[in-house]
């Protein structure tokens, strides 16, 4: 019997469904859904790690990784992950991202992800990439929480105590509300 709360089971179900959806929409979860997110840094809670076998079975998503100049040899167990950017309920409002060699990411960790760029015309785009682990799973609840605190709401965003102090800004972008870290190329919007 499949248990939906098992991270591996959910990952496998998503890898079966998402390639079908992305071939229709031509945008993969490895890229920002909204162009306004190109290049911004945001936080996410890791919910699943892919094995190398999962990554090779990604089809078009595997091609996006290679097009982003990631070598096949760098696609190992745990080098692609899924993270929750909105909480909770049954909706899977998540992003996928590449985890470079040397960054140790585990399920439940809070990580910073630099959002990539959607492919267009002759531009191969760039996939979302982890830049650092902010909190390991065992420390995440001490520093970060889902806001607003009402557990009945399905659209809550991740907020960490250090964000305002470090210059992160809360941004609304239609459907996409998030705390983002301004960078020289993205500004504060």
N, C-alpha and C. Protein backbone atom coordinates (compact mmCIF):
# COMPACT_ATOMS: atom_id res chain seq x y z
N UNK A 1 0.84 -1.17 0.00
CA UNK A 1 0.00 0.00 0.00
C UNK A 1 0.89 1.25 0.00
N UNK A 2 0.57 2.23 -0.84
CA UNK A 2 1.34 3.46 -0.91
C UNK A 2 0.91 4.41 0.19
N UNK A 3 1.89 4.98 0.87
CA UNK A 3 1.61 5.99 1.89
C UNK A 3 2.01 7.34 1.32
N UNK A 4 1.03 8.25 1.16
CA UNK A 4 1.29 9.54 0.54
C UNK A 4 2.22 10.43 1.36
N UNK A 5 2.33 10.18 2.65
CA UNK A 5 3.22 11.02 3.43
C UNK A 5 4.67 10.53 3.38
N UNK A 6 4.91 9.43 2.74
CA UNK A 6 6.26 8.93 2.55
C UNK A 6 6.91 9.74 1.43
N UNK A 7 8.03 10.42 1.73
CA UNK A 7 8.67 11.33 0.78
C UNK A 7 9.05 10.62 -0.52
N UNK A 8 9.58 9.42 -0.45
CA UNK A 8 10.00 8.69 -1.65
C UNK A 8 8.79 8.36 -2.53
N UNK A 9 7.68 7.95 -1.92
CA UNK A 9 6.48 7.63 -2.69
C UNK A 9 5.95 8.86 -3.40
N UNK A 10 5.90 9.99 -2.69
CA UNK A 10 5.40 11.23 -3.31
C UNK A 10 6.32 11.65 -4.45
N UNK A 11 7.64 11.51 -4.25
CA UNK A 11 8.59 11.89 -5.31
C UNK A 11 8.35 11.04 -6.55
N UNK A 12 8.20 9.73 -6.37
CA UNK A 12 7.99 8.85 -7.51
C UNK A 12 6.70 9.18 -8.24
N UNK A 13 5.64 9.47 -7.49
CA UNK A 13 4.38 9.85 -8.14
C UNK A 13 4.53 11.14 -8.93
N UNK A 14 5.25 12.11 -8.35
CA UNK A 14 5.46 13.37 -9.06
C UNK A 14 6.32 13.21 -10.30
N UNK A 15 7.33 12.34 -10.23
CA UNK A 15 8.17 12.16 -11.41
C UNK A 15 7.41 11.47 -12.53
N UNK A 16 6.35 10.77 -12.20
CA UNK A 16 5.53 10.15 -13.23
C UNK A 16 4.58 11.16 -13.86
N UNK A 17 4.10 12.12 -13.07
CA UNK A 17 3.10 13.07 -13.54
C UNK A 17 3.71 14.33 -14.12
N UNK A 18 4.72 14.90 -13.48
CA UNK A 18 5.27 16.18 -13.89
C UNK A 18 5.82 16.19 -15.31
N UNK A 19 6.57 15.16 -15.76
CA UNK A 19 7.02 15.21 -17.16
C UNK A 19 5.87 15.35 -18.15
N UNK A 20 4.72 14.75 -17.85
CA UNK A 20 3.56 14.89 -18.72
C UNK A 20 3.06 16.33 -18.71
N UNK A 21 3.00 16.93 -17.53
CA UNK A 21 2.54 18.30 -17.41
C UNK A 21 3.51 19.28 -18.04
N UNK A 22 4.80 19.07 -17.84
CA UNK A 22 5.77 20.02 -18.36
C UNK A 22 5.87 19.95 -19.87
N UNK A 23 5.60 18.79 -20.46
CA UNK A 23 5.66 18.74 -21.92
C UNK A 23 4.51 19.54 -22.52
N UNK A 24 3.40 19.64 -21.79
CA UNK A 24 2.28 20.45 -22.26
C UNK A 24 2.55 21.93 -22.02
N UNK A 25 3.08 22.25 -20.85
CA UNK A 25 3.28 23.65 -20.48
C UNK A 25 4.64 24.17 -20.93
N UNK A 26 5.56 23.31 -21.28
CA UNK A 26 6.92 23.61 -21.70
C UNK A 26 7.76 24.33 -20.64
N UNK A 27 7.30 24.33 -19.40
CA UNK A 27 8.08 24.88 -18.30
C UNK A 27 8.21 23.80 -17.25
N UNK A 28 9.42 23.56 -16.83
CA UNK A 28 9.67 22.54 -15.83
C UNK A 28 9.72 23.19 -14.45
N UNK A 29 9.51 22.40 -13.41
CA UNK A 29 9.63 22.91 -12.06
C UNK A 29 11.09 23.17 -11.70
N UNK A 30 12.00 22.81 -12.56
CA UNK A 30 13.41 23.13 -12.36
C UNK A 30 13.70 24.60 -12.70
N UNK A 31 12.71 25.28 -13.26
CA UNK A 31 12.82 26.70 -13.60
C UNK A 31 11.74 27.45 -12.84
N UNK A 32 11.91 28.75 -12.63
CA UNK A 32 10.84 29.51 -11.97
C UNK A 32 9.59 29.52 -12.84
N UNK A 33 8.45 29.36 -12.21
CA UNK A 33 7.19 29.39 -12.95
C UNK A 33 6.92 30.81 -13.45
N UNK A 34 7.24 31.80 -12.61
CA UNK A 34 7.01 33.20 -12.97
C UNK A 34 8.33 33.85 -13.34
N UNK A 35 8.35 34.53 -14.48
CA UNK A 35 9.59 35.17 -14.96
C UNK A 35 10.15 36.18 -13.96
N UNK A 36 9.27 36.80 -13.16
CA UNK A 36 9.73 37.78 -12.16
C UNK A 36 10.68 37.15 -11.15
N UNK A 37 10.65 35.83 -11.04
CA UNK A 37 11.51 35.14 -10.07
C UNK A 37 12.89 34.81 -10.62
N UNK A 38 13.14 35.11 -11.87
CA UNK A 38 14.45 34.82 -12.45
C UNK A 38 15.54 35.52 -11.63
N UNK A 39 16.47 34.72 -11.14
CA UNK A 39 17.61 35.25 -10.42
C UNK A 39 17.40 35.58 -8.95
N UNK A 40 16.17 35.55 -8.46
CA UNK A 40 15.98 35.87 -7.04
C UNK A 40 16.40 34.69 -6.18
N UNK A 41 16.71 34.99 -4.94
CA UNK A 41 17.05 33.95 -3.97
C UNK A 41 15.86 33.84 -3.02
N UNK A 42 15.43 32.61 -2.78
CA UNK A 42 14.32 32.38 -1.85
C UNK A 42 14.63 31.15 -1.01
N UNK A 43 13.87 30.96 0.05
CA UNK A 43 14.08 29.80 0.91
C UNK A 43 12.99 28.77 0.65
N UNK A 44 13.35 27.54 0.91
CA UNK A 44 12.40 26.45 0.75
C UNK A 44 12.76 25.35 1.75
N UNK A 45 11.77 24.54 2.09
CA UNK A 45 12.00 23.40 2.96
C UNK A 45 12.07 22.16 2.08
N UNK A 46 13.16 21.43 2.16
CA UNK A 46 13.37 20.25 1.32
C UNK A 46 12.36 19.16 1.72
N UNK A 47 11.66 18.65 0.72
CA UNK A 47 10.66 17.60 0.97
C UNK A 47 11.02 16.26 0.34
N UNK A 48 11.94 16.25 -0.62
CA UNK A 48 12.33 14.99 -1.26
C UNK A 48 13.66 15.15 -1.99
N UNK A 49 14.40 14.05 -2.06
CA UNK A 49 15.65 13.98 -2.80
C UNK A 49 15.52 12.89 -3.85
N UNK A 50 15.98 13.17 -5.05
CA UNK A 50 15.91 12.18 -6.13
C UNK A 50 17.16 11.31 -6.14
N UNK A 51 16.98 10.07 -6.52
CA UNK A 51 18.13 9.20 -6.76
C UNK A 51 18.63 9.44 -8.17
N UNK A 52 19.81 8.95 -8.49
CA UNK A 52 20.32 9.07 -9.87
C UNK A 52 19.36 8.41 -10.84
N UNK A 53 18.81 7.27 -10.46
CA UNK A 53 17.85 6.57 -11.33
C UNK A 53 16.62 7.45 -11.59
N UNK A 54 16.11 8.13 -10.55
CA UNK A 54 14.99 9.05 -10.74
C UNK A 54 15.36 10.15 -11.73
N UNK A 55 16.55 10.71 -11.55
CA UNK A 55 16.99 11.83 -12.39
C UNK A 55 17.09 11.40 -13.85
N UNK A 56 17.66 10.22 -14.10
CA UNK A 56 17.78 9.73 -15.48
C UNK A 56 16.41 9.48 -16.10
N UNK A 57 15.41 9.18 -15.29
CA UNK A 57 14.06 8.93 -15.79
C UNK A 57 13.25 10.22 -15.99
N UNK A 58 13.84 11.37 -15.67
CA UNK A 58 13.13 12.64 -15.78
C UNK A 58 12.76 13.03 -17.20
N UNK A 59 13.42 12.45 -18.20
CA UNK A 59 13.12 12.81 -19.58
C UNK A 59 13.50 14.25 -19.88
N UNK A 60 12.52 15.07 -20.21
CA UNK A 60 12.76 16.46 -20.58
C UNK A 60 13.45 17.22 -19.45
N UNK A 61 13.12 16.89 -18.21
CA UNK A 61 13.76 17.57 -17.08
C UNK A 61 15.24 17.22 -16.99
N UNK A 62 15.61 16.00 -17.32
CA UNK A 62 17.02 15.62 -17.40
C UNK A 62 17.71 16.50 -18.46
N UNK A 63 17.04 16.67 -19.59
CA UNK A 63 17.59 17.51 -20.67
C UNK A 63 17.81 18.95 -20.19
N UNK A 64 16.89 19.47 -19.36
CA UNK A 64 17.05 20.83 -18.82
C UNK A 64 18.30 20.92 -17.94
N UNK A 65 18.54 19.90 -17.15
CA UNK A 65 19.74 19.88 -16.30
C UNK A 65 21.00 19.93 -17.17
N UNK A 66 21.06 19.10 -18.19
CA UNK A 66 22.22 19.05 -19.08
C UNK A 66 22.36 20.36 -19.85
N UNK A 67 21.24 20.93 -20.29
CA UNK A 67 21.27 22.21 -21.02
C UNK A 67 21.79 23.34 -20.13
N UNK A 68 21.65 23.19 -18.82
CA UNK A 68 22.14 24.20 -17.88
C UNK A 68 23.62 24.00 -17.56
N UNK A 69 24.28 23.20 -18.36
CA UNK A 69 25.72 22.92 -18.24
C UNK A 69 26.08 22.12 -16.99
N UNK A 70 25.14 21.32 -16.53
CA UNK A 70 25.42 20.39 -15.44
C UNK A 70 25.83 19.08 -16.09
N UNK A 71 26.96 18.56 -15.70
CA UNK A 71 27.49 17.34 -16.30
C UNK A 71 26.71 16.12 -15.80
N UNK A 72 26.54 15.14 -16.66
CA UNK A 72 25.86 13.90 -16.30
C UNK A 72 26.53 13.26 -15.07
N UNK A 73 27.84 13.32 -15.00
CA UNK A 73 28.57 12.72 -13.87
C UNK A 73 28.23 13.41 -12.54
N UNK A 74 27.73 14.65 -12.59
CA UNK A 74 27.37 15.37 -11.37
C UNK A 74 25.94 15.07 -10.91
N UNK A 75 25.22 14.31 -11.71
CA UNK A 75 23.84 13.95 -11.35
C UNK A 75 23.85 12.63 -10.60
N UNK A 76 24.02 12.74 -9.30
CA UNK A 76 24.13 11.59 -8.41
C UNK A 76 22.92 11.57 -7.48
N UNK A 77 22.84 10.58 -6.62
CA UNK A 77 21.77 10.53 -5.62
C UNK A 77 21.77 11.83 -4.83
N UNK A 78 20.61 12.47 -4.72
CA UNK A 78 20.48 13.69 -3.93
C UNK A 78 20.88 14.97 -4.62
N UNK A 79 21.25 14.92 -5.91
CA UNK A 79 21.66 16.15 -6.58
C UNK A 79 20.48 16.93 -7.17
N UNK A 80 19.30 16.36 -7.11
CA UNK A 80 18.08 17.09 -7.45
C UNK A 80 17.13 16.89 -6.28
N UNK A 81 16.53 18.00 -5.85
CA UNK A 81 15.63 17.94 -4.71
C UNK A 81 14.35 18.73 -5.01
N UNK A 82 13.37 18.48 -4.19
CA UNK A 82 12.10 19.21 -4.27
C UNK A 82 11.93 19.94 -2.95
N UNK A 83 11.43 21.18 -3.02
CA UNK A 83 11.22 21.96 -1.80
C UNK A 83 9.87 22.62 -1.79
N UNK A 84 9.30 22.67 -0.59
CA UNK A 84 7.99 23.29 -0.39
C UNK A 84 8.20 24.78 -0.18
N UNK A 85 7.51 25.59 -0.98
CA UNK A 85 7.58 27.04 -0.83
C UNK A 85 6.31 27.59 -0.22
N UNK A 86 5.24 26.82 -0.27
CA UNK A 86 3.98 27.18 0.39
C UNK A 86 3.54 26.01 1.23
N UNK A 87 2.90 26.28 2.30
CA UNK A 87 2.47 25.23 3.20
C UNK A 87 0.98 25.33 3.35
N UNK A 88 0.18 24.54 3.47
CA UNK A 88 0.22 23.12 3.63
C UNK A 88 -0.94 22.54 2.85
N UNK A 89 -1.67 21.63 3.44
CA UNK A 89 -2.76 21.00 2.70
C UNK A 89 -2.22 19.98 1.74
N UNK A 90 -3.04 19.56 0.80
CA UNK A 90 -2.65 18.53 -0.14
C UNK A 90 -2.02 19.08 -1.40
N UNK A 91 -2.02 20.39 -1.56
CA UNK A 91 -1.44 20.98 -2.76
C UNK A 91 0.06 20.80 -2.76
N UNK A 92 0.62 20.54 -3.92
CA UNK A 92 2.07 20.41 -4.03
C UNK A 92 2.61 21.66 -4.72
N UNK A 93 2.71 22.73 -3.97
CA UNK A 93 3.25 23.97 -4.49
C UNK A 93 4.74 23.99 -4.17
N UNK A 94 5.49 23.35 -5.03
CA UNK A 94 6.91 23.17 -4.75
C UNK A 94 7.75 23.52 -5.96
N UNK A 95 9.05 23.65 -5.68
CA UNK A 95 10.02 23.87 -6.76
C UNK A 95 11.01 22.72 -6.73
N UNK A 96 11.66 22.51 -7.85
CA UNK A 96 12.74 21.54 -7.94
C UNK A 96 14.02 22.33 -8.12
N UNK A 97 15.14 21.75 -7.67
CA UNK A 97 16.40 22.46 -7.79
C UNK A 97 17.56 21.49 -7.80
N UNK A 98 18.65 21.96 -8.40
CA UNK A 98 19.89 21.20 -8.45
C UNK A 98 20.69 21.48 -7.18
N UNK A 99 21.29 20.44 -6.62
CA UNK A 99 22.13 20.56 -5.42
C UNK A 99 23.57 20.28 -5.84
N UNK A 100 24.41 21.32 -5.91
CA UNK A 100 25.80 21.12 -6.34
C UNK A 100 26.56 20.21 -5.39
N UNK A 101 27.56 19.53 -5.94
CA UNK A 101 28.44 18.68 -5.15
C UNK A 101 29.06 19.51 -4.02
N UNK A 102 29.09 18.95 -2.83
CA UNK A 102 29.67 19.64 -1.68
C UNK A 102 28.66 20.28 -0.76
N UNK A 103 27.41 20.40 -1.20
CA UNK A 103 26.36 20.93 -0.34
C UNK A 103 25.54 19.74 0.15
N UNK A 104 25.51 19.53 1.45
CA UNK A 104 24.82 18.39 2.05
C UNK A 104 23.39 18.78 2.40
N UNK A 105 22.45 18.29 1.63
CA UNK A 105 21.03 18.63 1.80
C UNK A 105 20.27 17.37 2.22
N UNK A 106 19.38 17.54 3.20
CA UNK A 106 18.54 16.45 3.64
C UNK A 106 17.08 16.88 3.71
N UNK A 107 16.19 15.92 3.72
CA UNK A 107 14.76 16.21 3.84
C UNK A 107 14.50 16.93 5.16
N UNK A 108 13.75 18.03 5.09
CA UNK A 108 13.44 18.83 6.26
C UNK A 108 14.35 20.03 6.43
N UNK A 109 15.47 20.07 5.71
CA UNK A 109 16.39 21.20 5.80
C UNK A 109 15.75 22.45 5.17
N UNK A 110 16.17 23.61 5.67
CA UNK A 110 15.78 24.89 5.08
C UNK A 110 16.97 25.35 4.24
N UNK A 111 16.75 25.56 2.94
CA UNK A 111 17.84 25.92 2.03
C UNK A 111 17.51 27.19 1.27
N UNK A 112 18.57 27.88 0.84
CA UNK A 112 18.42 29.01 -0.08
C UNK A 112 18.58 28.48 -1.49
N UNK A 113 17.70 28.94 -2.37
CA UNK A 113 17.74 28.53 -3.77
C UNK A 113 17.78 29.77 -4.65
N UNK A 114 18.77 29.82 -5.52
CA UNK A 114 18.78 30.89 -6.53
C UNK A 114 17.95 30.38 -7.70
N UNK A 115 16.90 31.13 -7.99
CA UNK A 115 15.99 30.72 -9.05
C UNK A 115 16.65 30.90 -10.41
N UNK A 116 16.37 29.97 -11.29
CA UNK A 116 16.99 29.96 -12.61
C UNK A 116 16.28 30.86 -13.61
N UNK A 117 16.31 30.44 -14.86
CA UNK A 117 15.74 31.21 -15.96
C UNK A 117 15.08 30.23 -16.92
N UNK A 118 13.85 30.53 -17.31
CA UNK A 118 13.14 29.66 -18.23
C UNK A 118 13.81 29.65 -19.60
N UNK A 119 13.83 28.48 -20.25
CA UNK A 119 14.36 28.44 -21.63
C UNK A 119 13.43 29.20 -22.58
N UNK A 120 14.02 29.93 -23.51
CA UNK A 120 13.25 30.64 -24.52
C UNK A 120 14.03 30.65 -25.82
N UNK A 121 13.36 30.43 -26.90
CA UNK A 121 13.98 30.46 -28.23
C UNK A 121 15.30 29.68 -28.21
N UNK A 122 16.42 30.37 -28.41
CA UNK A 122 17.72 29.70 -28.45
C UNK A 122 18.44 29.74 -27.10
N UNK A 123 17.82 30.35 -26.10
CA UNK A 123 18.40 30.41 -24.75
C UNK A 123 18.02 29.12 -24.02
N UNK A 124 19.02 28.36 -23.60
CA UNK A 124 18.76 27.08 -22.93
C UNK A 124 18.25 27.24 -21.51
N UNK A 125 18.27 28.46 -20.99
CA UNK A 125 17.81 28.71 -19.64
C UNK A 125 18.81 28.23 -18.60
N UNK A 126 18.39 28.29 -17.36
CA UNK A 126 19.20 27.84 -16.24
C UNK A 126 18.27 27.28 -15.18
N UNK A 127 18.65 26.18 -14.58
CA UNK A 127 17.80 25.56 -13.55
C UNK A 127 18.02 26.24 -12.20
N UNK A 128 17.06 26.06 -11.31
CA UNK A 128 17.17 26.55 -9.93
C UNK A 128 18.31 25.79 -9.24
N UNK A 129 19.10 26.49 -8.41
CA UNK A 129 20.26 25.87 -7.77
C UNK A 129 20.32 26.26 -6.30
N UNK A 130 20.59 25.28 -5.43
CA UNK A 130 20.81 25.55 -4.01
C UNK A 130 22.11 26.33 -3.86
N UNK A 131 22.07 27.39 -3.06
CA UNK A 131 23.28 28.15 -2.78
C UNK A 131 23.85 27.82 -1.40
N UNK A 132 22.95 27.46 -0.46
CA UNK A 132 23.43 27.08 0.87
C UNK A 132 22.30 26.47 1.70
N UNK A 133 22.71 25.70 2.70
CA UNK A 133 21.77 25.18 3.69
C UNK A 133 21.75 26.18 4.83
N UNK A 134 20.58 26.73 5.16
CA UNK A 134 20.48 27.68 6.26
C UNK A 134 20.28 26.98 7.60
N UNK A 135 19.45 25.93 7.60
CA UNK A 135 19.20 25.20 8.84
C UNK A 135 18.99 23.73 8.52
N UNK A 136 19.65 22.87 9.28
CA UNK A 136 19.40 21.44 9.16
C UNK A 136 18.04 21.15 9.79
N UNK A 137 17.48 20.02 9.43
CA UNK A 137 16.14 19.63 9.86
C UNK A 137 15.93 19.81 11.37
N UNK A 138 16.89 19.36 12.15
CA UNK A 138 16.72 19.40 13.61
C UNK A 138 16.69 20.81 14.18
N UNK A 139 17.20 21.80 13.46
CA UNK A 139 17.20 23.19 13.92
C UNK A 139 16.19 24.08 13.20
N UNK A 140 15.55 23.58 12.17
CA UNK A 140 14.67 24.40 11.32
C UNK A 140 13.56 25.08 12.12
N UNK A 141 12.89 24.34 13.00
CA UNK A 141 11.77 24.91 13.76
C UNK A 141 12.20 25.98 14.75
N UNK A 142 13.46 26.01 15.12
CA UNK A 142 13.96 27.02 16.05
C UNK A 142 14.09 28.38 15.38
N UNK A 143 14.25 28.40 14.06
CA UNK A 143 14.53 29.63 13.34
C UNK A 143 13.49 30.02 12.30
N UNK A 144 12.72 29.06 11.81
CA UNK A 144 11.79 29.32 10.71
C UNK A 144 10.40 28.78 11.05
N UNK A 145 9.40 29.39 10.43
CA UNK A 145 8.02 28.95 10.64
C UNK A 145 7.18 29.31 9.41
N UNK A 146 6.02 28.68 9.34
CA UNK A 146 5.09 28.97 8.27
C UNK A 146 4.19 30.11 8.71
N UNK A 147 4.08 31.16 7.90
CA UNK A 147 3.36 32.37 8.24
C UNK A 147 2.23 32.60 7.23
N UNK A 148 1.02 32.91 7.66
CA UNK A 148 0.59 33.10 9.04
C UNK A 148 0.53 31.77 9.80
N UNK A 149 0.51 31.84 11.14
CA UNK A 149 0.58 30.63 11.95
C UNK A 149 -0.69 29.77 11.96
N UNK A 150 -1.73 30.20 11.33
CA UNK A 150 -2.99 29.46 11.30
C UNK A 150 -2.84 28.20 10.45
N UNK A 151 -2.85 27.04 11.06
CA UNK A 151 -2.65 25.77 10.34
C UNK A 151 -3.79 25.41 9.41
N UNK A 152 -4.92 26.07 9.53
CA UNK A 152 -6.06 25.79 8.64
C UNK A 152 -5.88 26.41 7.26
N UNK A 153 -5.01 27.39 7.17
CA UNK A 153 -4.77 28.04 5.88
C UNK A 153 -3.86 27.18 5.02
N UNK A 154 -4.14 27.11 3.74
CA UNK A 154 -3.30 26.29 2.86
C UNK A 154 -2.20 27.11 2.20
N UNK A 155 -2.31 28.44 2.23
CA UNK A 155 -1.34 29.27 1.54
C UNK A 155 -0.52 30.05 2.58
N UNK A 156 0.47 29.39 3.16
CA UNK A 156 1.36 30.03 4.11
C UNK A 156 2.76 30.04 3.52
N UNK A 157 3.53 31.07 3.86
CA UNK A 157 4.89 31.16 3.32
C UNK A 157 5.91 30.96 4.43
N UNK A 158 7.07 30.52 4.04
CA UNK A 158 8.14 30.27 4.98
C UNK A 158 8.81 31.59 5.38
N UNK A 159 8.92 31.79 6.69
CA UNK A 159 9.59 32.98 7.22
C UNK A 159 10.60 32.53 8.26
N UNK A 160 11.80 33.10 8.20
CA UNK A 160 12.86 32.79 9.17
C UNK A 160 13.24 34.07 9.91
N UNK A 161 13.57 33.95 11.18
CA UNK A 161 13.85 35.09 12.04
C UNK A 161 14.92 36.04 11.50
N UNK A 162 15.87 35.55 10.75
CA UNK A 162 16.98 36.35 10.26
C UNK A 162 16.68 37.12 8.98
N UNK A 163 15.53 36.89 8.36
CA UNK A 163 15.27 37.47 7.03
C UNK A 163 15.28 39.00 7.03
N UNK A 164 14.47 39.61 7.87
CA UNK A 164 14.40 41.09 7.87
C UNK A 164 15.76 41.70 8.20
N UNK A 165 16.47 41.13 9.15
CA UNK A 165 17.79 41.63 9.55
C UNK A 165 18.79 41.55 8.40
N UNK A 166 18.67 40.53 7.56
CA UNK A 166 19.59 40.35 6.43
C UNK A 166 19.12 41.05 5.15
N UNK A 167 18.03 41.79 5.22
CA UNK A 167 17.58 42.55 4.06
C UNK A 167 16.63 41.83 3.12
N UNK A 168 16.12 40.68 3.54
CA UNK A 168 15.12 40.00 2.72
C UNK A 168 13.85 40.84 2.71
N UNK A 169 13.10 40.78 1.61
CA UNK A 169 11.86 41.56 1.51
C UNK A 169 10.70 40.64 1.16
N UNK A 170 9.53 40.99 1.69
CA UNK A 170 8.33 40.24 1.36
C UNK A 170 7.78 40.82 0.06
N UNK A 171 7.54 39.97 -0.89
CA UNK A 171 7.11 40.41 -2.22
C UNK A 171 5.83 39.71 -2.63
N UNK A 172 4.94 40.46 -3.22
CA UNK A 172 3.73 39.90 -3.81
C UNK A 172 3.89 39.93 -5.31
N UNK A 173 3.59 38.85 -5.97
CA UNK A 173 3.64 38.82 -7.43
C UNK A 173 2.48 38.02 -7.96
N UNK A 174 1.28 38.54 -7.85
CA UNK A 174 0.11 37.78 -8.27
C UNK A 174 -0.09 36.60 -7.33
N UNK A 175 0.02 35.41 -7.87
CA UNK A 175 -0.11 34.19 -7.08
C UNK A 175 1.10 33.95 -6.21
N UNK A 176 2.19 34.60 -6.50
CA UNK A 176 3.46 34.27 -5.88
C UNK A 176 3.85 35.26 -4.79
N UNK A 177 3.49 34.95 -3.54
CA UNK A 177 3.92 35.74 -2.39
C UNK A 177 5.13 35.02 -1.80
N UNK A 178 6.18 35.76 -1.50
CA UNK A 178 7.38 35.12 -0.97
C UNK A 178 8.30 36.14 -0.33
N UNK A 179 9.18 35.66 0.53
CA UNK A 179 10.30 36.46 1.02
C UNK A 179 11.44 36.19 0.06
N UNK A 180 12.04 37.24 -0.47
CA UNK A 180 13.13 37.08 -1.42
C UNK A 180 14.32 37.92 -0.98
N UNK A 181 15.49 37.47 -1.39
CA UNK A 181 16.72 38.18 -1.07
C UNK A 181 17.11 39.01 -2.28
N UNK A 182 17.10 40.33 -2.14
CA UNK A 182 17.50 41.17 -3.27
C UNK A 182 18.94 40.89 -3.68
N UNK A 183 19.17 40.87 -4.97
CA UNK A 183 20.52 40.71 -5.50
C UNK A 183 20.78 41.85 -6.47
N UNK A 184 22.03 42.14 -6.80
CA UNK A 184 22.32 43.24 -7.72
C UNK A 184 21.56 43.15 -9.04
N UNK A 185 21.31 41.93 -9.52
CA UNK A 185 20.64 41.80 -10.82
C UNK A 185 19.13 41.80 -10.71
N UNK A 186 18.57 41.52 -9.52
CA UNK A 186 17.11 41.46 -9.39
C UNK A 186 16.52 42.66 -8.67
N UNK A 187 17.32 43.39 -7.93
CA UNK A 187 16.80 44.51 -7.15
C UNK A 187 15.89 44.00 -6.05
N UNK A 188 14.94 44.80 -5.65
CA UNK A 188 14.06 44.41 -4.55
C UNK A 188 12.73 43.89 -5.05
N UNK A 189 12.49 43.92 -6.32
CA UNK A 189 11.18 43.46 -6.83
C UNK A 189 11.19 42.02 -7.20
